[in-house]
């Protein structure tokens, strides 16, 4: 048997390697020394580090950091996300049937989802949302939320039972007509499942946005000097790597009342994420401050060197691009479309499609930017918002 040949090892000339490392590699490089000088100049500036679960505020000047667990502290996040996922779950089972129509797997998964929905209906009640989930931003809407959840689970059960009894009907077109759009009468759907998904996304974003804005409001942050790092993975591996697609970025800038300049926000998905186990160890939190300040300073200064080298040429100017506005003839968009008003269902439903198709998008970020704008416009008072898909929507009233 002939052995596989190995590629020859690349030869590195020591003198060239030393020249390379002089500038850019290791703790004693020119770049590292510049970073240390820059970080020292920023020691008193407020630094905000966001992970997938926490905000950490380092006030600067050696003061103790503070931590806000915006994801871990989100009341009802998983409960509402479970309902948000019903649409994609049913669509996934429908795709499984297309791939293997005679197989048992899609039927097993359909029955499993039916059982999970039935279990939720058995415990769902206004008191659950009022007393156990107890999200402050949901006050006054507990009965409406319970009715939405009951309807969503009941509709899902009825639709899947029909699919199991009549597999030939279980097509993508049928899914859209009778389940997602509630345009047909095969399962007596009276509210589109699309509205349910938007409502649950909205409720989560409203609670998170309200708490984040309230937390930052309690701190006197100089937003013009603030340094922001968003580190580690946010959602699926390909998502949230740009300002426009990162829901955490939207939350922080919204909390600043849009005073935080975009060029002071850096998204670093490959940077080591801060692991902050509970109960919090303040010494551990504090130990992350110096490397995070160096990372921000390095990113900042490398960018500034470009301006020194190429003054007179067009430079980079960050700006939030306007979201595309849907026209009657629009068939494709490159970003989430703008939402014109609280019942703009063409825009909402297009967003549902885009967050599924665009790998850059965070699934939970479907309506975050819109909700943050609404909180801003209404004094961060959730009671004054119109929750699209919930408020003014006539769900069957199991609970009164």
Protein backbone atom coordinates (compact mmCIF):
# COMPACT_ATOMS: atom_id res chain seq x y z
CA UNK A 1 0.00 0.00 0.00
CA UNK A 2 1.35 3.38 -1.00
CA UNK A 3 1.64 5.79 1.89
CA UNK A 4 0.06 9.21 1.53
CA UNK A 5 2.66 11.85 0.92
CA UNK A 6 2.88 14.70 3.38
CA UNK A 7 3.32 18.24 2.10
CA UNK A 8 6.75 19.65 2.80
CA UNK A 9 6.93 21.81 5.91
CA UNK A 10 7.13 25.49 5.07
CA UNK A 11 10.57 26.90 5.73
CA UNK A 12 10.67 30.08 7.79
CA UNK A 13 13.74 32.26 7.54
CA UNK A 14 14.58 33.30 11.13
CA UNK A 15 15.52 36.87 10.24
CA UNK A 16 12.20 37.41 8.41
CA UNK A 17 10.30 35.76 11.22
CA UNK A 18 11.90 38.11 13.72
CA UNK A 19 10.97 41.09 11.56
CA UNK A 20 7.35 39.86 11.39
CA UNK A 21 7.16 39.36 15.16
CA UNK A 22 8.73 42.74 15.86
CA UNK A 23 5.56 44.48 14.73
CA UNK A 24 2.62 42.19 15.23
CA UNK A 25 3.19 39.09 17.34
CA UNK A 26 3.55 38.61 21.07
CA UNK A 27 3.37 40.78 24.13
CA UNK A 28 6.60 42.64 23.31
CA UNK A 29 5.69 43.66 19.74
CA UNK A 30 5.41 47.24 18.55
CA UNK A 31 1.64 46.79 18.25
CA UNK A 32 1.37 45.48 21.81
CA UNK A 33 3.34 48.41 23.19
CA UNK A 34 1.16 50.89 21.28
CA UNK A 35 -1.94 49.14 22.65
CA UNK A 36 -0.66 49.46 26.22
CA UNK A 37 -0.07 53.20 25.76
CA UNK A 38 -3.52 53.71 24.25
CA UNK A 39 -5.25 51.66 26.96
CA UNK A 40 -3.55 53.73 29.66
CA UNK A 41 -5.02 56.89 28.12
CA UNK A 42 -8.50 55.36 28.37
CA UNK A 43 -8.30 54.03 31.93
CA UNK A 44 -10.94 56.46 33.20
CA UNK A 45 -13.42 56.01 30.34
CA UNK A 46 -16.51 53.86 30.96
CA UNK A 47 -16.24 50.42 29.36
CA UNK A 48 -19.29 48.29 28.64
CA UNK A 49 -18.70 44.63 27.80
CA UNK A 50 -21.66 42.62 26.54
CA UNK A 51 -21.77 38.85 26.35
CA UNK A 52 -24.63 36.62 25.23
CA UNK A 53 -26.06 36.81 28.76
CA UNK A 54 -24.64 39.78 30.67
CA UNK A 55 -23.76 43.46 30.53
CA UNK A 56 -20.67 44.41 32.53
CA UNK A 57 -20.05 48.08 33.25
CA UNK A 58 -16.51 49.05 34.18
CA UNK A 59 -16.93 52.72 35.26
CA UNK A 60 -13.20 53.41 34.99
CA UNK A 61 -10.69 54.88 37.37
CA UNK A 62 -10.41 51.65 39.34
CA UNK A 63 -14.03 51.69 40.47
CA UNK A 64 -15.82 48.39 40.98
CA UNK A 65 -17.63 46.88 38.00
CA UNK A 66 -21.36 46.19 37.94
CA UNK A 67 -23.15 43.33 36.17
CA UNK A 68 -26.66 43.12 34.73
CA UNK A 69 -27.79 39.67 33.61
CA UNK A 70 -30.11 40.77 30.84
CA UNK A 71 -30.63 37.26 29.42
CA UNK A 72 -30.49 35.23 32.63
CA UNK A 73 -32.76 37.78 34.28
CA UNK A 74 -35.26 37.76 31.42
CA UNK A 75 -38.50 36.51 32.90
CA UNK A 76 -40.50 34.48 30.42
CA UNK A 77 -37.77 34.42 27.75
CA UNK A 78 -37.80 30.66 27.25
CA UNK A 79 -41.55 30.38 27.83
CA UNK A 80 -42.29 32.91 25.11
CA UNK A 81 -39.51 31.65 22.84
CA UNK A 82 -41.07 28.19 23.06
CA UNK A 83 -44.24 29.63 21.54
CA UNK A 84 -42.29 31.70 18.98
CA UNK A 85 -40.68 28.48 17.78
CA UNK A 86 -43.95 26.68 17.05
CA UNK A 87 -44.10 28.02 13.50
CA UNK A 88 -40.55 26.93 12.55
CA UNK A 89 -41.07 23.64 14.40
CA UNK A 90 -44.15 22.73 12.37
CA UNK A 91 -42.46 23.87 9.15
CA UNK A 92 -39.46 21.68 10.00
CA UNK A 93 -41.68 18.65 10.51
CA UNK A 94 -43.35 19.39 7.16
CA UNK A 95 -39.92 19.47 5.52
CA UNK A 96 -39.05 16.14 7.18
CA UNK A 97 -42.17 14.64 5.60
CA UNK A 98 -41.08 15.91 2.18
CA UNK A 99 -37.67 14.33 2.64
CA UNK A 100 -39.04 10.98 3.83
CA UNK A 101 -42.83 10.84 3.31
CA UNK A 102 -43.18 7.18 4.26
CA UNK A 103 -40.81 7.35 7.19
CA UNK A 104 -41.85 7.22 10.82
CA UNK A 105 -39.65 10.07 12.03
CA UNK A 106 -41.81 13.00 10.96
CA UNK A 107 -44.85 11.34 12.53
CA UNK A 108 -42.98 10.73 15.78
CA UNK A 109 -41.88 14.36 15.92
CA UNK A 110 -45.39 15.60 15.15
CA UNK A 111 -46.79 13.54 18.02
CA UNK A 112 -44.02 14.75 20.32
CA UNK A 113 -44.80 18.38 19.54
CA UNK A 114 -48.53 17.75 20.05
CA UNK A 115 -47.77 16.30 23.48
CA UNK A 116 -45.54 19.22 24.44
CA UNK A 117 -48.26 21.69 23.41
CA UNK A 118 -50.88 19.82 25.44
CA UNK A 119 -48.63 19.90 28.50
CA UNK A 120 -48.21 23.67 28.17
CA UNK A 121 -51.97 24.19 27.82
CA UNK A 122 -52.48 22.26 31.05
CA UNK A 123 -50.35 24.67 33.10
CA UNK A 124 -50.93 27.89 31.17
CA UNK A 125 -53.07 30.49 32.99
CA UNK A 126 -53.06 34.23 33.73
CA UNK A 127 -51.80 33.49 37.24
CA UNK A 128 -48.75 31.73 35.79
CA UNK A 129 -47.75 34.82 33.86
CA UNK A 130 -48.65 37.19 36.70
CA UNK A 131 -47.18 35.36 39.72
CA UNK A 132 -44.50 32.96 38.45
CA UNK A 133 -43.12 34.45 35.25
CA UNK A 134 -43.82 37.93 36.63
CA UNK A 135 -42.12 40.07 33.98
CA UNK A 136 -42.65 43.67 35.05
CA UNK A 137 -42.98 44.84 31.44
CA UNK A 138 -45.94 42.47 30.89
CA UNK A 139 -48.08 43.95 33.65
CA UNK A 140 -51.71 44.32 32.61
CA UNK A 141 -51.40 41.80 29.77
CA UNK A 142 -51.30 38.49 31.67
CA UNK A 143 -54.76 37.32 30.58
CA UNK A 144 -54.10 38.30 26.97
CA UNK A 145 -50.79 36.42 26.99
CA UNK A 146 -52.43 33.32 28.47
CA UNK A 147 -55.11 33.38 25.76
CA UNK A 148 -52.46 33.80 23.05
CA UNK A 149 -50.48 30.82 24.35
CA UNK A 150 -53.57 28.65 24.67
CA UNK A 151 -54.62 29.45 21.11
CA UNK A 152 -51.14 28.88 19.66
CA UNK A 153 -50.76 25.48 21.30
CA UNK A 154 -54.33 24.42 20.51
CA UNK A 155 -53.98 25.45 16.85
CA UNK A 156 -50.67 23.60 16.57
CA UNK A 157 -52.20 20.45 18.05
CA UNK A 158 -55.20 20.58 15.69
CA UNK A 159 -53.07 21.26 12.63
CA UNK A 160 -50.63 18.43 13.34
CA UNK A 161 -53.40 15.97 14.15
CA UNK A 162 -54.90 16.74 10.74
CA UNK A 163 -51.48 16.23 9.14
CA UNK A 164 -51.12 12.86 10.83
CA UNK A 165 -54.61 11.78 9.77
CA UNK A 166 -54.32 13.20 6.23
CA UNK A 167 -50.62 13.26 5.30
CA UNK A 168 -51.30 14.29 1.72
CA UNK A 169 -52.56 17.66 2.97
CA UNK A 170 -49.30 18.38 4.81
CA UNK A 171 -47.61 20.60 2.21
CA UNK A 172 -45.80 23.91 2.40
CA UNK A 173 -48.71 25.66 0.66
CA UNK A 174 -51.19 24.15 3.11
CA UNK A 175 -48.98 25.17 6.05
CA UNK A 176 -48.98 28.76 4.89
CA UNK A 177 -52.71 28.93 4.15
CA UNK A 178 -54.24 27.15 7.12
CA UNK A 179 -51.63 27.63 9.86
CA UNK A 180 -49.35 30.61 9.29
CA UNK A 181 -51.80 32.92 7.50
CA UNK A 182 -55.13 31.55 8.87
CA UNK A 183 -56.62 32.14 5.41
CA UNK A 184 -58.32 28.75 5.11
CA UNK A 185 -60.87 26.97 7.26
CA UNK A 186 -59.44 23.45 7.48
CA UNK A 187 -58.48 23.80 11.17
CA UNK A 188 -60.64 26.83 12.06
CA UNK A 189 -57.67 29.13 12.60
CA UNK A 190 -58.92 32.63 13.45
CA UNK A 191 -55.55 34.36 14.07
CA UNK A 192 -52.50 33.81 11.84
CA UNK A 193 -49.66 32.00 13.56
CA UNK A 194 -47.45 34.72 12.12
CA UNK A 195 -49.13 37.18 14.51
CA UNK A 196 -48.39 34.86 17.42
CA UNK A 197 -44.71 34.76 16.52
CA UNK A 198 -44.41 38.53 16.19
CA UNK A 199 -46.28 39.06 19.48
CA UNK A 200 -44.00 36.73 21.42
CA UNK A 201 -40.86 38.22 19.87
CA UNK A 202 -42.24 41.66 20.76
CA UNK A 203 -42.99 40.72 24.39
CA UNK A 204 -39.45 39.41 24.92
CA UNK A 205 -37.87 42.46 23.28
CA UNK A 206 -40.08 44.80 25.29
CA UNK A 207 -39.11 43.21 28.60
CA UNK A 208 -35.39 43.08 27.79
CA UNK A 209 -35.33 46.59 26.33
CA UNK A 210 -37.23 48.05 29.28
CA UNK A 211 -34.86 46.48 31.82
CA UNK A 212 -31.70 47.35 29.91
CA UNK A 213 -32.73 50.97 29.45
CA UNK A 214 -33.71 51.25 33.12
CA UNK A 215 -30.37 49.76 34.24
CA UNK A 216 -28.26 52.07 32.10
CA UNK A 217 -30.39 55.06 33.12
CA UNK A 218 -29.33 54.45 36.73
CA UNK A 219 -25.70 55.06 35.77
CA UNK A 220 -24.30 58.43 34.76
CA UNK A 221 -22.52 57.22 31.63
CA UNK A 222 -20.68 59.67 29.43
CA UNK A 223 -21.82 58.11 26.17
CA UNK A 224 -19.50 60.25 24.05
CA UNK A 225 -16.53 58.59 25.81
CA UNK A 226 -18.03 55.16 26.37
CA UNK A 227 -16.15 52.12 25.07
CA UNK A 228 -18.36 49.19 24.05
CA UNK A 229 -17.31 45.63 23.29
CA UNK A 230 -19.73 42.85 22.32
CA UNK A 231 -17.80 39.62 22.75
CA UNK A 232 -18.33 35.96 21.96
CA UNK A 233 -21.05 34.25 20.00
CA UNK A 234 -24.48 35.88 19.83
CA UNK A 235 -27.13 33.37 18.76
CA UNK A 236 -26.34 31.04 15.85
CA UNK A 237 -22.67 30.93 14.82
CA UNK A 238 -23.08 33.17 11.75
CA UNK A 239 -25.34 35.80 13.34
CA UNK A 240 -24.97 39.19 14.97
CA UNK A 241 -21.56 40.09 13.60
CA UNK A 242 -22.56 43.52 12.25
CA UNK A 243 -24.05 46.58 13.91
CA UNK A 244 -27.31 46.22 12.00
CA UNK A 245 -27.81 42.53 12.83
CA UNK A 246 -26.81 42.59 16.49
CA UNK A 247 -29.74 43.00 18.88
CA UNK A 248 -27.43 43.71 21.82
CA UNK A 249 -25.98 46.65 19.89
CA UNK A 250 -29.51 47.96 19.36
CA UNK A 251 -30.26 47.65 23.07
CA UNK A 252 -27.12 49.51 24.17
CA UNK A 253 -27.50 52.31 21.64
CA UNK A 254 -31.17 52.61 22.51
CA UNK A 255 -30.28 52.89 26.20
CA UNK A 256 -27.92 55.74 25.29
CA UNK A 257 -30.84 57.45 23.54
CA UNK A 258 -28.73 57.02 20.38
CA UNK A 259 -25.96 59.23 21.80
CA UNK A 260 -23.43 56.39 21.66
CA UNK A 261 -21.52 56.75 18.34
CA UNK A 262 -21.34 53.61 16.24
CA UNK A 263 -17.59 53.96 15.90
CA UNK A 264 -17.24 53.32 19.64
CA UNK A 265 -18.96 49.93 19.40
CA UNK A 266 -16.89 46.91 18.43
CA UNK A 267 -18.33 43.44 17.87
CA UNK A 268 -15.71 40.77 18.56
CA UNK A 269 -17.27 37.33 18.03
CA UNK A 270 -13.87 35.63 18.23
CA UNK A 271 -12.79 37.33 21.44
CA UNK A 272 -12.92 35.15 24.56
CA UNK A 273 -16.38 35.51 26.07
CA UNK A 274 -16.54 36.45 29.73
CA UNK A 275 -17.75 33.50 31.77
CA UNK A 276 -19.47 34.88 34.85
CA UNK A 277 -20.87 32.04 36.93
CA UNK A 278 -23.35 32.76 39.70
CA UNK A 279 -22.98 33.79 42.46
CA UNK A 280 -20.85 36.54 40.99
CA UNK A 281 -17.18 36.71 41.97
CA UNK A 282 -16.33 40.41 41.86
CA UNK A 283 -12.60 39.68 41.71
CA UNK A 284 -13.17 37.51 38.63
CA UNK A 285 -15.25 40.21 36.96
CA UNK A 286 -12.57 42.79 37.76
CA UNK A 287 -9.83 40.57 36.32
CA UNK A 288 -11.38 40.88 32.84
CA UNK A 289 -11.22 44.68 32.77
CA UNK A 290 -7.59 45.15 31.68
CA UNK A 291 -7.67 42.67 28.74
CA UNK A 292 -11.01 44.05 27.54
CA UNK A 293 -9.67 47.61 27.65
CA UNK A 294 -6.61 46.50 25.69
CA UNK A 295 -8.79 44.80 23.08
CA UNK A 296 -10.91 47.94 22.60
CA UNK A 297 -7.85 50.20 22.51
CA UNK A 298 -6.06 47.97 19.99
CA UNK A 299 -9.06 47.91 17.65
CA UNK A 300 -9.42 51.68 17.94
CA UNK A 301 -5.78 52.54 17.35
CA UNK A 302 -5.26 50.20 14.40
CA UNK A 303 -8.14 51.97 12.67
CA UNK A 304 -6.67 55.39 13.39
CA UNK A 305 -3.34 54.47 11.83
CA UNK A 306 -5.13 54.13 8.49
CA UNK A 307 -6.14 57.80 8.65
CA UNK A 308 -2.53 58.81 9.37
CA UNK A 309 -1.23 56.79 6.47
CA UNK A 310 -3.80 57.82 3.88
CA UNK A 311 -4.97 61.33 4.71
CA UNK A 312 -6.57 62.88 1.65
CA UNK A 313 -8.19 59.67 0.47
CA UNK A 314 -11.84 58.85 1.24
CA UNK A 315 -12.13 57.46 4.75
CA UNK A 316 -14.47 55.08 6.51
CA UNK A 317 -17.47 56.79 8.15
CA UNK A 318 -19.73 54.40 10.07
CA UNK A 319 -23.40 55.05 9.83
CA UNK A 320 -26.61 53.16 10.36
CA UNK A 321 -27.96 52.51 6.87
CA UNK A 322 -31.64 53.22 6.43
CA UNK A 323 -33.73 50.06 6.49
CA UNK A 324 -35.36 49.23 3.15
CA UNK A 325 -39.01 50.18 2.83
CA UNK A 326 -41.21 47.63 1.14
CA UNK A 327 -42.92 48.70 -2.06
CA UNK A 328 -45.77 46.83 -3.79
CA UNK A 329 -43.29 45.50 -6.33
CA UNK A 330 -40.61 44.46 -3.78
CA UNK A 331 -39.66 40.79 -4.06
CA UNK A 332 -36.29 40.74 -2.26
CA UNK A 333 -34.56 42.67 0.52
CA UNK A 334 -30.97 42.62 1.75
CA UNK A 335 -31.81 43.61 5.33
CA UNK A 336 -34.74 43.63 7.70
CA UNK A 337 -37.34 46.00 6.23
CA UNK A 338 -38.54 49.11 8.01
CA UNK A 339 -41.81 48.79 9.94
CA UNK A 340 -44.21 51.56 9.06
CA UNK A 341 -46.70 51.14 11.92
CA UNK A 342 -47.85 48.72 14.60
CA UNK A 343 -50.03 46.72 12.18
CA UNK A 344 -47.65 46.67 9.21
CA UNK A 345 -47.99 42.92 8.67
CA UNK A 346 -46.26 42.82 5.31
CA UNK A 347 -43.12 44.20 6.99
CA UNK A 348 -43.48 41.99 10.08
CA UNK A 349 -43.97 38.82 8.04
CA UNK A 350 -41.11 39.74 5.72
CA UNK A 351 -38.94 40.08 8.81
CA UNK A 352 -39.96 36.58 9.90
CA UNK A 353 -38.77 35.28 6.55
CA UNK A 354 -35.53 37.27 6.57
CA UNK A 355 -34.45 36.19 10.06
CA UNK A 356 -34.84 32.58 8.92
CA UNK A 357 -33.07 33.01 5.57
CA UNK A 358 -30.33 35.52 6.39
CA UNK A 359 -27.58 33.76 8.37
CA UNK A 360 -26.39 37.12 9.73
CA UNK A 361 -29.60 37.70 11.65
CA UNK A 362 -30.32 36.80 15.25
CA UNK A 363 -33.65 34.97 15.38
CA UNK A 364 -34.57 36.77 18.59
CA UNK A 365 -33.71 40.12 16.97
CA UNK A 366 -36.74 40.07 14.70
CA UNK A 367 -38.35 43.23 16.14
CA UNK A 368 -35.79 44.48 18.70
CA UNK A 369 -34.94 47.69 16.83
CA UNK A 370 -38.61 48.55 16.37
CA UNK A 371 -39.47 47.85 20.02
CA UNK A 372 -36.52 49.93 21.24
CA UNK A 373 -37.75 52.84 19.11
CA UNK A 374 -41.23 52.45 20.60
CA UNK A 375 -39.89 52.39 24.16
CA UNK A 376 -37.89 55.52 23.40
CA UNK A 377 -40.96 57.26 22.00
CA UNK A 378 -43.08 56.36 25.04
CA UNK A 379 -40.76 57.15 27.92
CA UNK A 380 -39.70 53.52 28.46
CA UNK A 381 -43.22 52.73 29.66
CA UNK A 382 -44.31 49.30 28.34
CA UNK A 383 -47.93 49.99 29.24
CA UNK A 384 -48.07 52.68 26.56
CA UNK A 385 -46.85 50.43 23.74
CA UNK A 386 -49.04 48.63 21.22
CA UNK A 387 -47.82 45.03 21.23
CA UNK A 388 -48.27 43.97 17.62
CA UNK A 389 -50.01 40.62 17.36
CA UNK A 390 -51.38 40.83 20.92
CA UNK A 391 -53.04 44.16 21.62
CA UNK A 392 -56.24 44.50 19.63
CA UNK A 393 -56.07 40.92 18.33
CA UNK A 394 -59.14 38.77 18.99
CA UNK A 395 -57.83 35.48 20.36
CA UNK A 396 -60.38 32.94 21.61
CA UNK A 397 -60.99 33.81 25.24
CA UNK A 398 -60.40 30.73 27.32
CA UNK A 399 -59.43 33.03 30.20
CA UNK A 400 -61.27 36.19 31.22
